[in-house]
């Protein structure tokens, strides 16, 4: 059984950050334009940067996975938006 704060297998975020990170990732995935997607990506990356700065208990590899999740979501959304033009 997965932990409720487990974003992907093996990646657990503190409860205060879990919901906010999911919201930021959803904003990237639902962006209506390339500009909005890039803004949402920057906001999500800023959250990870804050998490990295404030929380000492998260391994560097997990922080990297968060950045990669954001990058993958942004890349996928930008490709969708480009296709829809």
Protein backbone atom coordinates (compact mmCIF):
# COMPACT_ATOMS: atom_id res chain seq x y z
CA UNK A 1 0.00 0.00 0.00
CA UNK A 2 1.35 3.42 -0.95
CA UNK A 3 1.70 6.22 1.56
CA UNK A 4 -0.78 9.07 0.92
CA UNK A 5 2.14 11.48 0.63
CA UNK A 6 4.01 9.30 -1.86
CA UNK A 7 4.08 11.21 -5.13
CA UNK A 8 5.56 8.34 -7.13
CA UNK A 9 6.90 5.05 -5.76
CA UNK A 10 9.65 5.81 -3.28
CA UNK A 11 9.18 9.59 -3.35
CA UNK A 12 7.44 10.91 -0.23
CA UNK A 13 6.91 14.61 0.38
CA UNK A 14 6.10 16.28 3.69
CA UNK A 15 2.29 16.64 3.94
CA UNK A 16 2.40 20.44 3.73
CA UNK A 17 4.19 20.27 0.37
CA UNK A 18 2.49 17.24 -1.16
CA UNK A 19 -0.82 18.91 -2.03
CA UNK A 20 0.78 22.14 -3.17
CA UNK A 21 3.22 20.29 -5.42
CA UNK A 22 0.39 18.28 -6.99
CA UNK A 23 -1.51 21.54 -7.58
CA UNK A 24 1.53 23.17 -9.23
CA UNK A 25 2.07 20.10 -11.42
CA UNK A 26 -1.62 20.15 -12.42
CA UNK A 27 -1.26 23.81 -13.40
CA UNK A 28 1.60 22.86 -15.74
CA UNK A 29 -0.43 20.02 -17.25
CA UNK A 30 -3.52 22.20 -17.81
CA UNK A 31 -1.84 25.39 -19.05
CA UNK A 32 -3.77 27.02 -21.85
CA UNK A 33 -0.79 28.52 -23.63
CA UNK A 34 2.96 28.05 -23.90
CA UNK A 35 3.55 31.19 -21.85
CA UNK A 36 1.22 29.99 -19.10
CA UNK A 37 2.93 26.60 -19.17
CA UNK A 38 6.35 28.18 -18.68
CA UNK A 39 5.03 30.35 -15.86
CA UNK A 40 3.48 27.31 -14.17
CA UNK A 41 6.74 25.40 -14.65
CA UNK A 42 8.69 28.21 -12.99
CA UNK A 43 6.25 28.27 -10.07
CA UNK A 44 6.54 24.51 -9.60
CA UNK A 45 10.33 24.67 -9.77
CA UNK A 46 10.28 27.50 -7.21
CA UNK A 47 8.32 25.29 -4.85
CA UNK A 48 10.91 22.53 -5.22
CA UNK A 49 13.69 25.05 -4.62
CA UNK A 50 11.95 26.17 -1.42
CA UNK A 51 11.48 22.57 -0.37
CA UNK A 52 15.15 21.89 -1.01
CA UNK A 53 16.18 24.93 1.03
CA UNK A 54 13.84 24.48 3.98
CA UNK A 55 13.76 20.72 4.36
CA UNK A 56 16.93 18.87 5.19
CA UNK A 57 15.30 15.41 5.24
CA UNK A 58 14.76 15.00 1.51
CA UNK A 59 17.51 13.27 -0.43
CA UNK A 60 19.10 15.09 -3.35
CA UNK A 61 17.97 12.28 -5.66
CA UNK A 62 14.35 12.91 -4.65
CA UNK A 63 14.70 16.64 -5.29
CA UNK A 64 16.10 15.81 -8.73
CA UNK A 65 13.11 13.52 -9.41
CA UNK A 66 10.75 16.39 -8.60
CA UNK A 67 12.52 18.64 -11.08
CA UNK A 68 12.36 15.86 -13.68
CA UNK A 69 8.62 15.37 -13.08
CA UNK A 70 8.05 19.08 -13.66
CA UNK A 71 10.22 19.11 -16.78
CA UNK A 72 8.45 16.07 -18.21
CA UNK A 73 5.02 17.59 -17.54
CA UNK A 74 6.01 20.91 -19.11
CA UNK A 75 7.56 19.26 -22.15
CA UNK A 76 4.47 17.10 -22.69
CA UNK A 77 2.13 20.08 -22.34
CA UNK A 78 4.17 22.28 -24.67
CA UNK A 79 4.12 19.53 -27.29
CA UNK A 80 0.33 19.21 -26.91
CA UNK A 81 -0.12 22.94 -27.29
CA UNK A 82 2.10 22.99 -30.36
CA UNK A 83 0.13 20.13 -31.94
CA UNK A 84 -3.16 21.91 -31.27
CA UNK A 85 -2.14 25.07 -33.12
